[in-house]
Amino acid sequence: MPSRTGAREIALDKAGRARKEGGVIDPAALILPAAAGMLGGAMNALAGGGTFATLPALIALGLPSNIANATSNVALLPGAGASAWEYRDELAPVGGLSVRALAGITFAGGLVGSMLLVLTPTRAFDMIIPWLLLFAFVVMAFGRRASDWLHARVTIGRRTLVAAQSLLGIYGGYFGGGVGLITTAVYGLLAGADPRSLFSIRTLMLAVANFAAALVFIAIGMVRWWACLPMLAGGILGGWLGARIGKRLSHRMVRAWTLLVTGGTTLVFFVRAYG
C-alpha cells in the first residue's frame, strides 16, 4: 500500500493527466506553462530565480512537487542555453579558474544533485532552501563591502572556489531554485565581481547544471512532456529576450533587480517552508 505522501502524489499526477484526457489538452495546460516559461527564462537571463515562476505553475496544473521540479528543470534548459549563447562574447574566468574547469565541476555536481533528488525525500531540503536564499540576499546587499573586508584579511584561493562551485552544482541539480542568485552572490564574495559582469558565466553554469540534471530526470522518467514542451518554448523566447535586455542594463539596475528578486523569493520560500 502506498504511503499517504505517495498516494497524494499519485492523485496529483492523475489530476494533471486528466487535463489532457481524450487527446484534448486544456488550453490552460498550454498557456500557463508557456507564460511561466517565458517569465522564468527572462528571470534566469537577468538575475536568476526562474524556477520561482515555473515551479508554482506546474504545481497549479496538478503535478507533484518533485515531478514539477524535474519538469521545470528540463523546460528551462534550452532557455538557459539561449541566454548563454547570447552572452558568449562576455565569457571570462572567475577567480583564476577557467570557464572549462568551472563547467566541468558544475556538470559533475549537477549529476550528484539530481541523483540526490531521485533517491531522497525533498522535505528536509525544503526547510534549508529559505536560509540559502537569505544568505544570497545578505551577500548581494553587502557583497562588495563584505568582499573588500574579506580580501583585506584572508586570502581566498582556488580551492575555496572549487569547493563552492561543487556545492553550487549539487544544489543546481537537486533543486536549482535561486541558484543563479546564489552563484552571483558567491562569485561576488569570493572573486570581488559585480553582478553585471557575471551575467555570462553565471548563465552558462546554470545551463550546465540543468543539462546534467536533465539527463538523469529524463532517464528516470520524471518529466511530464505535455507540460514541459510549452514551457520549454516559452523559456527559449524568454531567455533570449532577457539576455538581449540584460546586455543594455546598467550595473545599478541589475543590482536593484537582483535584490528585488532575491528578497521576494526568500520571503516566498520562508512562508512556504514555515508558514
Protein backbone atom coordinates (compact mmCIF):
# COMPACT_ATOMS: atom_id res chain seq x y z
CA MET A 1 0.00 0.00 0.00
CA PRO A 2 1.45 3.42 -0.90
CA SER A 3 2.19 5.90 1.88
CA ARG A 4 -0.04 8.91 2.46
CA THR A 5 2.52 11.15 0.75
CA GLY A 6 2.89 8.71 -2.13
CA ALA A 7 -0.88 8.42 -2.56
CA ARG A 8 -1.19 12.21 -2.61
CA GLU A 9 1.50 12.49 -5.30
CA ILE A 10 -0.23 9.80 -7.39
CA ALA A 11 -3.55 11.63 -7.05
CA LEU A 12 -1.98 14.95 -8.05
CA ASP A 13 -0.28 13.39 -11.05
CA LYS A 14 -3.57 11.83 -12.14
CA ALA A 15 -5.19 15.25 -11.83
CA GLY A 16 -2.51 16.62 -14.14
CA ARG A 17 -3.03 13.85 -16.70
CA ALA A 18 -6.79 14.47 -16.57
CA ARG A 19 -6.17 17.84 -18.21
CA LYS A 20 -5.39 16.04 -21.45
CA GLU A 21 -7.91 13.18 -21.42
CA GLY A 22 -9.23 12.09 -24.77
CA GLY A 23 -6.23 13.60 -26.52
CA VAL A 24 -7.57 17.14 -25.95
CA ILE A 25 -5.41 19.32 -23.71
CA ASP A 26 -6.99 22.04 -21.62
CA PRO A 27 -5.82 25.41 -23.04
CA ALA A 28 -4.67 26.36 -19.53
CA ALA A 29 -2.26 23.42 -19.68
CA LEU A 30 -0.60 25.13 -22.66
CA ILE A 31 -0.93 28.84 -21.90
CA LEU A 32 0.07 28.75 -18.23
CA PRO A 33 3.31 26.78 -18.65
CA ALA A 34 4.26 28.76 -21.78
CA ALA A 35 3.79 32.08 -19.98
CA ALA A 36 5.60 30.83 -16.88
CA GLY A 37 8.43 29.53 -19.06
CA MET A 38 8.82 32.90 -20.76
CA LEU A 39 8.95 34.71 -17.43
CA GLY A 40 11.28 32.11 -15.93
CA GLY A 41 13.63 32.23 -18.91
CA ALA A 42 13.84 36.02 -18.72
CA MET A 43 14.43 35.93 -14.96
CA ASN A 44 17.27 33.42 -15.36
CA ALA A 45 18.89 35.61 -18.01
CA LEU A 46 18.68 38.76 -15.87
CA ALA A 47 19.23 37.71 -12.27
CA GLY A 48 18.27 34.06 -11.82
CA GLY A 49 15.29 32.67 -9.95
CA GLY A 50 13.36 31.39 -12.98
CA THR A 51 12.26 28.32 -11.03
CA PHE A 52 10.10 30.59 -8.89
CA ALA A 53 7.96 31.30 -11.95
CA THR A 54 7.84 27.78 -13.40
CA LEU A 55 7.53 25.53 -10.34
CA PRO A 56 4.33 27.10 -8.91
CA ALA A 57 2.73 27.00 -12.36
CA LEU A 58 3.41 23.28 -12.74
CA ILE A 59 2.15 22.53 -9.24
CA ALA A 60 -1.00 24.53 -10.07
CA LEU A 61 -1.50 22.23 -13.06
CA GLY A 62 -1.61 19.23 -10.72
CA LEU A 63 1.94 17.87 -10.77
CA PRO A 64 3.61 16.61 -7.55
CA SER A 65 6.42 18.91 -6.41
CA ASN A 66 9.25 16.52 -7.26
CA ILE A 67 7.85 15.83 -10.74
CA ALA A 68 7.20 19.56 -11.20
CA ASN A 69 10.79 20.31 -10.20
CA ALA A 70 12.21 17.82 -12.71
CA THR A 71 9.88 19.05 -15.47
CA SER A 72 10.78 22.68 -14.71
CA ASN A 73 14.48 21.87 -14.87
CA VAL A 74 14.22 20.33 -18.34
CA ALA A 75 11.89 23.07 -19.60
CA LEU A 76 14.27 25.87 -18.58
CA LEU A 77 17.35 24.20 -20.06
CA PRO A 78 17.01 25.48 -23.66
CA GLY A 79 16.24 28.99 -22.40
CA ALA A 80 19.38 28.94 -20.27
CA GLY A 81 21.29 27.72 -23.31
CA ALA A 82 19.88 30.53 -25.44
CA SER A 83 20.88 33.10 -22.83
CA ALA A 84 24.37 31.61 -22.51
CA TRP A 85 24.80 31.78 -26.30
CA GLU A 86 23.71 35.42 -26.36
CA TYR A 87 26.30 36.23 -23.66
CA ARG A 88 29.09 34.09 -25.20
CA ASP A 89 31.29 37.08 -26.07
CA GLU A 90 31.43 38.08 -22.39
CA LEU A 91 32.68 34.75 -21.00
CA ALA A 92 35.73 35.09 -18.77
CA PRO A 93 37.45 33.10 -15.99
CA VAL A 94 36.38 33.63 -12.38
CA GLY A 95 38.85 33.76 -9.53
CA GLY A 96 41.61 32.22 -11.61
CA LEU A 97 39.51 29.24 -12.73
CA SER A 98 38.89 28.77 -16.45
CA VAL A 99 35.41 28.53 -17.91
CA ARG A 100 36.07 24.91 -18.87
CA ALA A 101 37.12 23.99 -15.32
CA LEU A 102 34.07 25.68 -13.80
CA ALA A 103 31.80 23.90 -16.30
CA GLY A 104 33.32 20.50 -15.54
CA ILE A 105 32.90 20.98 -11.79
CA THR A 106 29.32 22.17 -12.28
CA PHE A 107 28.40 19.23 -14.53
CA ALA A 108 29.70 16.68 -12.01
CA GLY A 109 27.87 18.47 -9.19
CA GLY A 110 24.66 18.59 -11.23
CA LEU A 111 24.75 14.81 -11.72
CA VAL A 112 25.23 14.26 -7.98
CA GLY A 113 22.45 16.70 -7.05
CA SER A 114 19.92 15.22 -9.47
CA MET A 115 20.58 11.71 -8.15
CA LEU A 116 20.04 13.01 -4.63
CA LEU A 117 16.62 14.32 -5.69
CA VAL A 118 15.73 10.91 -7.13
CA LEU A 119 16.93 8.96 -4.09
CA THR A 120 15.99 11.17 -1.13
CA PRO A 121 12.86 12.97 0.17
CA THR A 122 12.65 16.68 -0.52
CA ARG A 123 11.02 17.93 2.69
CA ALA A 124 14.24 18.32 4.68
CA PHE A 125 15.91 20.25 1.91
CA ASP A 126 12.81 22.42 1.51
CA MET A 127 13.43 23.62 5.08
CA ILE A 128 17.02 24.61 4.22
CA ILE A 129 16.29 26.44 0.95
CA PRO A 130 14.97 29.67 2.57
CA TRP A 131 18.18 30.02 4.58
CA LEU A 132 20.28 29.61 1.43
CA LEU A 133 18.25 32.32 -0.24
CA LEU A 134 18.57 34.57 2.80
CA PHE A 135 22.34 34.10 2.57
CA ALA A 136 22.18 35.15 -1.09
CA PHE A 137 20.16 38.25 -0.22
CA VAL A 138 22.56 39.35 2.53
CA VAL A 139 25.63 38.79 0.36
CA MET A 140 24.03 40.64 -2.58
CA ALA A 141 23.09 43.55 -0.32
CA PHE A 142 26.53 43.82 1.30
CA GLY A 143 28.60 41.83 -1.19
CA ARG A 144 31.07 44.50 -2.31
CA ARG A 145 31.81 45.73 1.20
CA ALA A 146 31.96 42.15 2.52
CA SER A 147 34.29 41.16 -0.31
CA ASP A 148 36.65 44.10 0.34
CA TRP A 149 36.65 43.35 4.07
CA LEU A 150 37.30 39.65 3.49
CA HIS A 151 40.07 40.16 0.94
CA ALA A 152 41.83 42.59 3.30
CA ARG A 153 42.03 39.89 5.96
CA VAL A 154 42.25 36.49 4.24
CA THR A 155 43.46 35.00 1.01
CA ILE A 156 40.75 33.18 -0.92
CA GLY A 157 42.37 30.54 -3.09
CA ARG A 158 41.21 28.43 -5.98
CA ARG A 159 40.39 25.53 -3.66
CA THR A 160 37.71 27.62 -1.96
CA LEU A 161 36.14 28.48 -5.30
CA VAL A 162 36.29 24.83 -6.44
CA ALA A 163 34.50 23.74 -3.26
CA ALA A 164 31.90 26.49 -3.65
CA GLN A 165 31.32 25.64 -7.31
CA SER A 166 30.89 21.95 -6.45
CA LEU A 167 28.17 22.84 -3.93
CA LEU A 168 26.51 25.17 -6.42
CA GLY A 169 26.44 22.36 -8.99
CA ILE A 170 24.91 19.92 -6.49
CA TYR A 171 22.30 22.49 -5.45
CA GLY A 172 21.53 23.28 -9.09
CA GLY A 173 20.99 19.61 -9.88
CA TYR A 174 18.95 18.90 -6.75
CA PHE A 175 16.59 21.88 -6.76
CA GLY A 176 18.04 24.83 -8.61
CA GLY A 177 15.70 27.47 -7.20
CA GLY A 178 17.69 30.67 -6.82
CA VAL A 179 20.95 29.02 -7.90
CA GLY A 180 21.65 31.94 -10.25
CA LEU A 181 21.15 34.38 -7.40
CA ILE A 182 23.37 32.40 -5.04
CA THR A 183 26.03 31.99 -7.76
CA THR A 184 26.10 35.75 -8.27
CA ALA A 185 26.44 36.26 -4.52
CA VAL A 186 29.21 33.65 -4.13
CA TYR A 187 31.22 34.93 -7.10
CA GLY A 188 30.90 38.47 -5.79
CA LEU A 189 32.14 37.43 -2.37
CA LEU A 190 34.97 35.13 -3.50
CA ALA A 191 36.11 36.95 -6.63
CA GLY A 192 35.00 40.55 -5.97
CA ALA A 193 33.00 40.70 -9.23
CA ASP A 194 29.94 42.88 -9.79
CA PRO A 195 26.60 41.29 -10.82
CA ARG A 196 26.59 42.67 -14.39
CA SER A 197 29.99 41.19 -15.23
CA LEU A 198 28.74 37.76 -14.08
CA PHE A 199 25.78 37.51 -16.46
CA SER A 200 27.62 35.31 -18.95
CA ILE A 201 29.47 32.86 -16.70
CA ARG A 202 26.55 32.55 -14.27
CA THR A 203 24.09 31.81 -17.07
CA LEU A 204 26.41 29.21 -18.59
CA MET A 205 26.86 27.44 -15.24
CA LEU A 206 23.09 27.40 -14.81
CA ALA A 207 22.73 25.76 -18.23
CA VAL A 208 25.44 23.18 -17.45
CA ALA A 209 23.84 22.19 -14.12
CA ASN A 210 20.41 21.96 -15.77
CA PHE A 211 21.82 19.81 -18.58
CA ALA A 212 23.42 17.35 -16.16
CA ALA A 213 20.21 17.07 -14.13
CA ALA A 214 18.06 16.78 -17.28
CA LEU A 215 19.99 13.68 -18.35
CA VAL A 216 19.08 11.98 -15.08
CA PHE A 217 15.47 13.19 -14.91
CA ILE A 218 14.71 12.11 -18.48
CA ALA A 219 16.36 8.72 -17.97
CA ILE A 220 14.35 8.13 -14.77
CA GLY A 221 11.08 9.23 -16.41
CA MET A 222 10.35 12.17 -14.10
CA VAL A 223 9.48 14.66 -16.88
CA ARG A 224 5.85 15.32 -17.91
CA TRP A 225 6.25 16.32 -21.53
CA TRP A 226 2.70 17.63 -22.05
CA ALA A 227 3.57 20.44 -19.62
CA CYS A 228 7.28 20.60 -20.37
CA LEU A 229 7.11 21.34 -24.10
CA PRO A 230 5.05 24.59 -23.98
CA MET A 231 7.12 25.76 -21.01
CA LEU A 232 10.28 24.93 -22.92
CA ALA A 233 9.16 27.03 -25.91
CA GLY A 234 8.32 29.97 -23.65
CA GLY A 235 11.65 29.57 -21.82
CA ILE A 236 13.65 29.83 -25.06
CA LEU A 237 11.92 33.07 -26.03
CA GLY A 238 12.15 34.49 -22.52
CA GLY A 239 15.83 33.54 -22.17
CA TRP A 240 16.75 35.16 -25.48
CA LEU A 241 14.77 38.35 -24.77
CA GLY A 242 16.07 38.57 -21.20
CA ALA A 243 19.67 38.28 -22.37
CA ARG A 244 19.23 40.99 -25.01
CA ILE A 245 17.65 43.30 -22.45
CA GLY A 246 20.28 42.44 -19.84
CA LYS A 247 23.16 43.47 -22.10
CA ARG A 248 21.74 47.01 -22.14
CA LEU A 249 21.10 47.40 -18.41
CA SER A 250 23.33 49.41 -16.09
CA HIS A 251 25.07 47.91 -13.03
CA ARG A 252 22.70 49.82 -10.75
CA MET A 253 19.57 48.50 -12.45
CA VAL A 254 20.88 44.94 -12.39
CA ARG A 255 21.72 45.23 -8.69
CA ALA A 256 18.26 46.63 -7.88
CA TRP A 257 16.52 43.89 -9.89
CA THR A 258 18.66 41.19 -8.29
CA LEU A 259 17.94 42.42 -4.76
CA LEU A 260 14.22 42.66 -5.53
CA VAL A 261 14.06 39.12 -6.91
CA THR A 262 16.23 37.71 -4.11
CA GLY A 263 14.24 39.39 -1.35
CA GLY A 264 10.88 38.41 -2.82
CA THR A 265 11.78 34.78 -3.43
CA THR A 266 13.36 34.47 0.01
CA LEU A 267 10.12 35.64 1.62
CA VAL A 268 8.04 33.26 -0.51
CA PHE A 269 10.14 30.26 0.43
CA PHE A 270 10.14 31.10 4.14
CA VAL A 271 6.35 31.24 4.03
CA ARG A 272 6.25 28.00 2.01
CA ALA A 273 8.53 26.14 4.43
CA TYR A 274 7.46 27.57 7.79
CA GLY A 275 4.14 29.32 7.20
